[in-house]
Structures are given as structure tokens and as C-alpha cells.
Amino acid sequence: MLILFSCTGQSKPVYVPVPDKDFHKQEINAFKIGSITETRDGNMPPWLRAFFNGGIAEIERGISYQNKYLFVVNNEGININALLLWADNFTAEYDFAILAADRIEKRMISSASLYPDNEYGLFFATMIKNAHNAEYSGAVKEDTYWVKTKPNNNDAEIYNIFILLGIDKRTMQSIINNMSEESLHGITLSADQKNSVNRLRQNFFTGF
């Protein structure tokens, strides 16, 4: 969140920097494996165990997914049939864009030294809009898995269902590079903003 301080006679606002890059790392799931009382088939897949231990980055380090960007979405409830229906209706074709746009936005914010609207000018909002509207051809639903947990001794058991989605890295990079080029059309940036956008584009996939 941007906080501005201004005083009478002060010509420029003082900007409080956005949170540092660690704040915007892919979220590590705080799920406690020890709270699991049942799994779908008694054999939790390696990708889900990796997610519990270290988040998205931990799954992407695995040999099976080294050439892909991965995304995990989850839901919970007491009715497993309702959760399975939700998972069946969750498709890469229609639902992947919001996951991709969120990751793109976090990457842009993490490299900004000031509030991103200030750092990148209209490029920031334009890029986010285009990310939400883009078609991510090649994105697929890799796997779905559920576990039952009892978070605390006095709590009722609940089901947690996880969906793993992936897309080839080269495909994703091509989509984002084209999106970035398109986002520059029709906008005016200051010299400083142009420099910031150029640096971002050159290093976008470092830490993405």
C-alpha cells in the first residue's frame, strides 16, 4: 500500500517504498502435514508434498517440472463432492489467466523501488489489464488431489483439495514478452519510467 506524506510548502511527496522482494515471493503454503488424517488414495503425490514444504518454487525445482511454470489453487470444505465438482469445473482455459496475472503483477511490484504506478507509469496498469485478458495457450491442469485434515483437536475434519496447473516456460515467456511489447503501445512515459520499464523487461524472468 502506498503511503504519502506531504507538508505545506513541500514540492514533492515522500514515497514509502513498496514491500521488499521477499514479501512478494510465491506464497509458501503453511499447511501442516501432521494435521492430515486421510488422503485420496494413501499416496500423496510428490508435487503436493513439495508444495507443503516449500511452495511453488519447491515444486518447480523438481525434475518433473523444471521446464514449466507452475501454479497451485486450493479450496476447502466439509463436502468432498462439492469440492470435486468445483475442481472439475476449474479449467486452464478459463481460469488460468487470473493466476498468471497475479504472478505477473507480483513480479512487477517486487522489482519496483517505489509504488509501481509511479515507477512504471501507465505501463503497469496496462500490463496487468492485458495479463488478465490474455490467452495462455498451452496451460494445462496437471493434477488434482485432496486430503482430509483435522487442524486442531477440537475442530471438525475438513477436506482440502489442490489443483496443480502448468505451462511451458518458453511458451509463457513468449506470451509475456508479446504482452509487454503490446502494453507499451499508445502510452506516454517519462524518461525515468522508460528506464524502469526497460530494466524490468530485460530481467522479468529472473525470480518469476
C-alpha atoms as a PDB file:
ATOM      1  CA  MET A   1       0.000   0.000   0.000  1.00  0.00           C
ATOM      2  CA  LEU A   2       1.258   3.451  -0.867  1.00  0.00           C
ATOM      3  CA  ILE A   3       1.534   5.951   1.952  1.00  0.00           C
ATOM      4  CA  LEU A   4       2.064   9.595   1.106  1.00  0.00           C
ATOM      5  CA  PHE A   5       3.278  12.281   3.493  1.00  0.00           C
ATOM      6  CA  SER A   6       3.018  15.939   2.491  1.00  0.00           C
ATOM      7  CA  CYS A   7       3.517  19.225   4.271  1.00  0.00           C
ATOM      8  CA  THR A   8       2.708  22.813   3.416  1.00  0.00           C
ATOM      9  CA  GLY A   9       5.314  24.153   1.060  1.00  0.00           C
ATOM     10  CA  GLN A  10       6.699  20.736   0.257  1.00  0.00           C
ATOM     11  CA  SER A  11       7.003  20.405  -3.518  1.00  0.00           C
ATOM     12  CA  LYS A  12       7.179  16.620  -3.748  1.00  0.00           C
ATOM     13  CA  PRO A  13       5.517  13.827  -1.786  1.00  0.00           C
ATOM     14  CA  VAL A  14       7.701  11.404   0.128  1.00  0.00           C
ATOM     15  CA  TYR A  15       7.076   7.891  -1.095  1.00  0.00           C
ATOM     16  CA  VAL A  16       7.252   4.921   1.212  1.00  0.00           C
ATOM     17  CA  PRO A  17       8.807   2.058  -0.788  1.00  0.00           C
ATOM     18  CA  VAL A  18       6.726  -0.981  -1.557  1.00  0.00           C
ATOM     19  CA  PRO A  19       7.455  -4.170   0.442  1.00  0.00           C
ATOM     20  CA  ASP A  20      10.756  -5.804  -0.449  1.00  0.00           C
ATOM     21  CA  LYS A  21      11.106  -8.743  -2.816  1.00  0.00           C
ATOM     22  CA  ASP A  22      10.767 -11.349  -0.054  1.00  0.00           C
ATOM     23  CA  PHE A  23       7.231 -10.099   0.611  1.00  0.00           C
ATOM     24  CA  HIS A  24       6.224 -10.935  -2.951  1.00  0.00           C
ATOM     25  CA  LYS A  25       7.771 -14.370  -3.277  1.00  0.00           C
ATOM     26  CA  GLN A  26       5.376 -17.122  -4.270  1.00  0.00           C
ATOM     27  CA  GLU A  27       3.432 -17.860  -1.131  1.00  0.00           C
ATOM     28  CA  ILE A  28       4.640 -20.865   0.836  1.00  0.00           C
ATOM     29  CA  ASN A  29       1.670 -22.894   1.979  1.00  0.00           C
ATOM     30  CA  ALA A  30       1.614 -23.056   5.767  1.00  0.00           C
ATOM     31  CA  PHE A  31      -0.299 -26.309   5.637  1.00  0.00           C
ATOM     32  CA  LYS A  32       0.746 -28.742   8.372  1.00  0.00           C
ATOM     33  CA  ILE A  33       1.287 -32.225   7.010  1.00  0.00           C
ATOM     34  CA  GLY A  34       0.862 -33.582  10.528  1.00  0.00           C
ATOM     35  CA  SER A  35      -2.776 -32.491  10.535  1.00  0.00           C
ATOM     36  CA  ILE A  36      -3.662 -34.835   7.637  1.00  0.00           C
ATOM     37  CA  THR A  37      -5.900 -37.733   8.678  1.00  0.00           C
ATOM     38  CA  GLU A  38      -6.722 -39.140   5.235  1.00  0.00           C
ATOM     39  CA  THR A  39      -5.646 -38.740   1.601  1.00  0.00           C
ATOM     40  CA  ARG A  40      -7.348 -39.530  -1.686  1.00  0.00           C
ATOM     41  CA  ASP A  41      -5.512 -42.794  -2.234  1.00  0.00           C
ATOM     42  CA  GLY A  42      -2.987 -43.058   0.568  1.00  0.00           C
ATOM     43  CA  ASN A  43      -0.139 -41.954  -1.694  1.00  0.00           C
ATOM     44  CA  MET A  44       0.348 -38.180  -1.686  1.00  0.00           C
ATOM     45  CA  PRO A  45       1.964 -37.017  -4.963  1.00  0.00           C
ATOM     46  CA  PRO A  46       5.489 -35.553  -4.753  1.00  0.00           C
ATOM     47  CA  TRP A  47       4.346 -32.177  -6.116  1.00  0.00           C
ATOM     48  CA  LEU A  48       1.886 -31.675  -3.264  1.00  0.00           C
ATOM     49  CA  ARG A  49       4.398 -32.707  -0.616  1.00  0.00           C
ATOM     50  CA  ALA A  50       6.876 -30.267  -2.179  1.00  0.00           C
ATOM     51  CA  PHE A  51       4.235 -27.540  -2.106  1.00  0.00           C
ATOM     52  CA  PHE A  52       3.625 -28.113   1.600  1.00  0.00           C
ATOM     53  CA  ASN A  53       7.349 -27.973   2.280  1.00  0.00           C
ATOM     54  CA  GLY A  54       8.374 -25.004   0.143  1.00  0.00           C
ATOM     55  CA  GLY A  55       5.609 -23.586  -2.012  1.00  0.00           C
ATOM     56  CA  ILE A  56       5.560 -23.230  -5.790  1.00  0.00           C
ATOM     57  CA  ALA A  57       9.318 -22.723  -6.040  1.00  0.00           C
ATOM     58  CA  GLU A  58       9.920 -26.098  -4.396  1.00  0.00           C
ATOM     59  CA  ILE A  59       7.732 -27.903  -6.957  1.00  0.00           C
ATOM     60  CA  GLU A  60       9.416 -26.117  -9.870  1.00  0.00           C
ATOM     61  CA  ARG A  61      12.804 -27.320  -8.658  1.00  0.00           C
ATOM     62  CA  GLY A  62      11.698 -30.916  -9.159  1.00  0.00           C
ATOM     63  CA  ILE A  63      12.960 -32.765 -12.214  1.00  0.00           C
ATOM     64  CA  SER A  64       9.441 -33.470 -13.475  1.00  0.00           C
ATOM     65  CA  TYR A  65       8.557 -29.778 -13.793  1.00  0.00           C
ATOM     66  CA  GLN A  66      11.855 -27.973 -14.464  1.00  0.00           C
ATOM     67  CA  ASN A  67      10.676 -26.721 -17.862  1.00  0.00           C
ATOM     68  CA  LYS A  68       7.351 -25.391 -16.607  1.00  0.00           C
ATOM     69  CA  TYR A  69       5.934 -22.546 -14.583  1.00  0.00           C
ATOM     70  CA  LEU A  70       3.534 -23.994 -12.030  1.00  0.00           C
ATOM     71  CA  PHE A  71       0.516 -22.682 -10.186  1.00  0.00           C
ATOM     72  CA  VAL A  72      -1.487 -24.184  -7.330  1.00  0.00           C
ATOM     73  CA  VAL A  73      -5.041 -23.272  -6.398  1.00  0.00           C
ATOM     74  CA  ASN A  74      -6.884 -24.819  -3.470  1.00  0.00           C
ATOM     75  CA  ASN A  75     -10.252 -24.903  -1.769  1.00  0.00           C
ATOM     76  CA  GLU A  76     -11.593 -26.431   1.445  1.00  0.00           C
ATOM     77  CA  GLY A  77     -14.870 -27.535   2.965  1.00  0.00           C
ATOM     78  CA  ILE A  78     -16.732 -30.369   4.642  1.00  0.00           C
ATOM     79  CA  ASN A  79     -18.409 -31.665   1.464  1.00  0.00           C
ATOM     80  CA  ILE A  80     -15.939 -33.560  -0.696  1.00  0.00           C
ATOM     81  CA  ASN A  81     -18.444 -33.966  -3.538  1.00  0.00           C
ATOM     82  CA  ALA A  82     -18.913 -30.207  -3.776  1.00  0.00           C
ATOM     83  CA  LEU A  83     -15.147 -29.719  -3.807  1.00  0.00           C
ATOM     84  CA  LEU A  84     -14.677 -32.322  -6.524  1.00  0.00           C
ATOM     85  CA  LEU A  85     -17.329 -30.590  -8.610  1.00  0.00           C
ATOM     86  CA  TRP A  86     -15.530 -27.271  -8.126  1.00  0.00           C
ATOM     87  CA  ALA A  87     -12.253 -28.868  -9.187  1.00  0.00           C
ATOM     88  CA  ASP A  88     -13.834 -30.463 -12.262  1.00  0.00           C
ATOM     89  CA  ASN A  89     -15.228 -27.095 -13.333  1.00  0.00           C
ATOM     90  CA  PHE A  90     -11.899 -25.314 -12.804  1.00  0.00           C
ATOM     91  CA  THR A  91     -10.263 -25.224 -16.226  1.00  0.00           C
ATOM     92  CA  ALA A  92      -6.974 -23.903 -17.527  1.00  0.00           C
ATOM     93  CA  GLU A  93      -8.786 -22.393 -20.499  1.00  0.00           C
ATOM     94  CA  TYR A  94     -10.991 -20.091 -18.443  1.00  0.00           C
ATOM     95  CA  ASP A  95      -9.347 -19.821 -15.016  1.00  0.00           C
ATOM     96  CA  PHE A  96      -5.605 -19.728 -15.677  1.00  0.00           C
ATOM     97  CA  ALA A  97      -5.465 -16.033 -16.605  1.00  0.00           C
ATOM     98  CA  ILE A  98      -6.189 -14.767 -13.101  1.00  0.00           C
ATOM     99  CA  LEU A  99      -3.377 -16.914 -11.677  1.00  0.00           C
ATOM    100  CA  ALA A 100      -0.939 -15.745 -14.343  1.00  0.00           C
ATOM    101  CA  ALA A 101      -1.938 -12.090 -13.932  1.00  0.00           C
ATOM    102  CA  ASP A 102      -1.398 -12.288 -10.174  1.00  0.00           C
ATOM    103  CA  ARG A 103       2.095 -13.700 -10.660  1.00  0.00           C
ATOM    104  CA  ILE A 104       2.939 -11.090 -13.300  1.00  0.00           C
ATOM    105  CA  GLU A 105       1.740  -8.298 -11.015  1.00  0.00           C
ATOM    106  CA  LYS A 106       3.812  -9.597  -8.091  1.00  0.00           C
ATOM    107  CA  ARG A 107       6.894  -9.752 -10.312  1.00  0.00           C
ATOM    108  CA  MET A 108       6.433  -6.140 -11.383  1.00  0.00           C
ATOM    109  CA  ILE A 109       5.891  -4.923  -7.839  1.00  0.00           C
ATOM    110  CA  SER A 110       8.864  -6.852  -6.455  1.00  0.00           C
ATOM    111  CA  SER A 111      11.293  -5.068  -8.789  1.00  0.00           C
ATOM    112  CA  ALA A 112       9.897  -1.584  -8.144  1.00  0.00           C
ATOM    113  CA  SER A 113      11.685   0.711  -5.711  1.00  0.00           C
ATOM    114  CA  LEU A 114       8.606   2.929  -5.428  1.00  0.00           C
ATOM    115  CA  TYR A 115       4.885   2.459  -5.884  1.00  0.00           C
ATOM    116  CA  PRO A 116       4.562   0.655  -9.255  1.00  0.00           C
ATOM    117  CA  ASP A 117       2.143   3.175 -10.785  1.00  0.00           C
ATOM    118  CA  ASN A 118       4.842   5.758 -10.158  1.00  0.00           C
ATOM    119  CA  GLU A 119       7.758   3.560 -11.161  1.00  0.00           C
ATOM    120  CA  TYR A 120       6.291   2.287 -14.436  1.00  0.00           C
ATOM    121  CA  GLY A 121       3.632   4.873 -15.231  1.00  0.00           C
ATOM    122  CA  LEU A 122       0.724   3.671 -17.369  1.00  0.00           C
ATOM    123  CA  PHE A 123       2.705   0.597 -18.356  1.00  0.00           C
ATOM    124  CA  PHE A 124       1.891  -1.033 -15.018  1.00  0.00           C
ATOM    125  CA  ALA A 125      -1.919  -0.822 -15.227  1.00  0.00           C
ATOM    126  CA  THR A 126      -1.872  -1.619 -18.947  1.00  0.00           C
ATOM    127  CA  MET A 127       0.264  -4.693 -18.406  1.00  0.00           C
ATOM    128  CA  ILE A 128      -1.992  -6.017 -15.634  1.00  0.00           C
ATOM    129  CA  LYS A 129      -5.090  -5.465 -17.762  1.00  0.00           C
ATOM    130  CA  ASN A 130      -3.504  -7.287 -20.685  1.00  0.00           C
ATOM    131  CA  ALA A 131      -2.405 -10.124 -18.393  1.00  0.00           C
ATOM    132  CA  HIS A 132      -5.991 -10.685 -17.282  1.00  0.00           C
ATOM    133  CA  ASN A 133      -7.248 -10.647 -20.872  1.00  0.00           C
ATOM    134  CA  ALA A 134      -4.518 -12.772 -22.436  1.00  0.00           C
ATOM    135  CA  GLU A 135      -4.920 -16.282 -23.802  1.00  0.00           C
ATOM    136  CA  TYR A 136      -2.368 -18.626 -22.271  1.00  0.00           C
ATOM    137  CA  SER A 137      -2.253 -21.360 -24.876  1.00  0.00           C
ATOM    138  CA  GLY A 138      -0.608 -24.495 -23.569  1.00  0.00           C
ATOM    139  CA  ALA A 139      -1.668 -24.061 -19.942  1.00  0.00           C
ATOM    140  CA  VAL A 140      -2.934 -27.365 -18.578  1.00  0.00           C
ATOM    141  CA  LYS A 141      -4.376 -28.831 -15.414  1.00  0.00           C
ATOM    142  CA  GLU A 142      -1.618 -31.190 -14.324  1.00  0.00           C
ATOM    143  CA  ASP A 143      -3.236 -32.903 -11.349  1.00  0.00           C
ATOM    144  CA  THR A 144      -5.889 -32.673  -8.647  1.00  0.00           C
ATOM    145  CA  TYR A 145      -5.590 -34.150  -5.190  1.00  0.00           C
ATOM    146  CA  TRP A 146      -7.459 -33.961  -1.901  1.00  0.00           C
ATOM    147  CA  VAL A 147      -6.574 -34.568   1.711  1.00  0.00           C
ATOM    148  CA  LYS A 148      -8.662 -34.595   4.868  1.00  0.00           C
ATOM    149  CA  THR A 149      -7.324 -32.729   7.876  1.00  0.00           C
ATOM    150  CA  LYS A 150      -8.059 -32.069  11.499  1.00  0.00           C
ATOM    151  CA  PRO A 151      -6.304 -28.735  12.144  1.00  0.00           C
ATOM    152  CA  ASN A 152      -6.820 -28.833  15.915  1.00  0.00           C
ATOM    153  CA  ASN A 153      -8.021 -31.441  18.367  1.00  0.00           C
ATOM    154  CA  ASN A 154     -11.334 -29.688  18.914  1.00  0.00           C
ATOM    155  CA  ASP A 155     -12.002 -28.864  15.272  1.00  0.00           C
ATOM    156  CA  ALA A 156     -14.093 -30.897  12.857  1.00  0.00           C
ATOM    157  CA  GLU A 157     -12.302 -32.627   9.999  1.00  0.00           C
ATOM    158  CA  ILE A 158     -12.314 -30.786   6.694  1.00  0.00           C
ATOM    159  CA  TYR A 159     -11.322 -31.615   3.139  1.00  0.00           C
ATOM    160  CA  ASN A 160      -8.670 -29.630   1.292  1.00  0.00           C
ATOM    161  CA  ILE A 161      -8.434 -30.004  -2.474  1.00  0.00           C
ATOM    162  CA  PHE A 162      -5.476 -28.799  -4.534  1.00  0.00           C
ATOM    163  CA  ILE A 163      -5.176 -28.246  -8.288  1.00  0.00           C
ATOM    164  CA  LEU A 164      -1.787 -28.096  -9.977  1.00  0.00           C
ATOM    165  CA  LEU A 165      -1.588 -26.167 -13.255  1.00  0.00           C
ATOM    166  CA  GLY A 166       1.409 -25.749 -15.522  1.00  0.00           C
ATOM    167  CA  ILE A 167       2.610 -24.080 -18.685  1.00  0.00           C
ATOM    168  CA  ASP A 168       5.816 -24.493 -20.683  1.00  0.00           C
ATOM    169  CA  LYS A 169       8.354 -21.842 -19.693  1.00  0.00           C
ATOM    170  CA  ARG A 170       9.243 -20.832 -23.247  1.00  0.00           C
ATOM    171  CA  THR A 171       5.557 -20.512 -24.139  1.00  0.00           C
ATOM    172  CA  MET A 172       4.850 -18.367 -21.074  1.00  0.00           C
ATOM    173  CA  GLN A 173       7.872 -16.184 -21.694  1.00  0.00           C
ATOM    174  CA  SER A 174       6.825 -15.610 -25.305  1.00  0.00           C
ATOM    175  CA  ILE A 175       3.298 -14.653 -24.204  1.00  0.00           C
ATOM    176  CA  ILE A 176       4.602 -12.213 -21.598  1.00  0.00           C
ATOM    177  CA  ASN A 177       7.176 -10.673 -23.944  1.00  0.00           C
ATOM    178  CA  ASN A 178       4.496 -10.045 -26.562  1.00  0.00           C
ATOM    179  CA  MET A 179       2.190  -8.696 -23.871  1.00  0.00           C
ATOM    180  CA  SER A 180       4.921  -6.361 -22.664  1.00  0.00           C
ATOM    181  CA  GLU A 181       5.524  -5.037 -26.171  1.00  0.00           C
ATOM    182  CA  GLU A 182       1.799  -4.504 -26.702  1.00  0.00           C
ATOM    183  CA  SER A 183       1.476  -2.708 -23.350  1.00  0.00           C
ATOM    184  CA  LEU A 184       3.933  -0.023 -24.492  1.00  0.00           C
ATOM    185  CA  HIS A 185       1.784   0.991 -27.458  1.00  0.00           C
ATOM    186  CA  GLY A 186      -0.261   4.148 -27.035  1.00  0.00           C
ATOM    187  CA  ILE A 187       1.119   5.210 -23.646  1.00  0.00           C
ATOM    188  CA  THR A 188       3.440   8.051 -22.696  1.00  0.00           C
ATOM    189  CA  LEU A 189       6.165   7.533 -20.102  1.00  0.00           C
ATOM    190  CA  SER A 190       8.691   9.835 -18.512  1.00  0.00           C
ATOM    191  CA  ALA A 191      12.384   9.184 -19.095  1.00  0.00           C
ATOM    192  CA  ASP A 192      12.732   7.605 -15.639  1.00  0.00           C
ATOM    193  CA  GLN A 193       9.693   5.412 -16.222  1.00  0.00           C
ATOM    194  CA  LYS A 194      11.056   4.251 -19.569  1.00  0.00           C
ATOM    195  CA  ASN A 195      14.316   3.270 -17.901  1.00  0.00           C
ATOM    196  CA  SER A 196      12.461   1.349 -15.188  1.00  0.00           C
ATOM    197  CA  VAL A 197      10.283  -0.463 -17.736  1.00  0.00           C
ATOM    198  CA  ASN A 198      13.320  -1.380 -19.829  1.00  0.00           C
ATOM    199  CA  ARG A 199      15.109  -2.804 -16.783  1.00  0.00           C
ATOM    200  CA  LEU A 200      12.008  -4.755 -15.830  1.00  0.00           C
ATOM    201  CA  ARG A 201      11.613  -6.231 -19.318  1.00  0.00           C
ATOM    202  CA  GLN A 202      15.265  -7.238 -19.518  1.00  0.00           C
ATOM    203  CA  ASN A 203      15.143  -9.092 -16.199  1.00  0.00           C
ATOM    204  CA  PHE A 204      11.498 -10.061 -15.959  1.00  0.00           C
ATOM    205  CA  PHE A 205      12.006 -13.820 -15.692  1.00  0.00           C
ATOM    206  CA  THR A 206      14.685 -13.624 -13.019  1.00  0.00           C
ATOM    207  CA  GLY A 207      12.787 -14.649  -9.925  1.00  0.00           C
ATOM    208  CA  PHE A 208       9.500 -15.044 -11.806  1.00  0.00           C
END
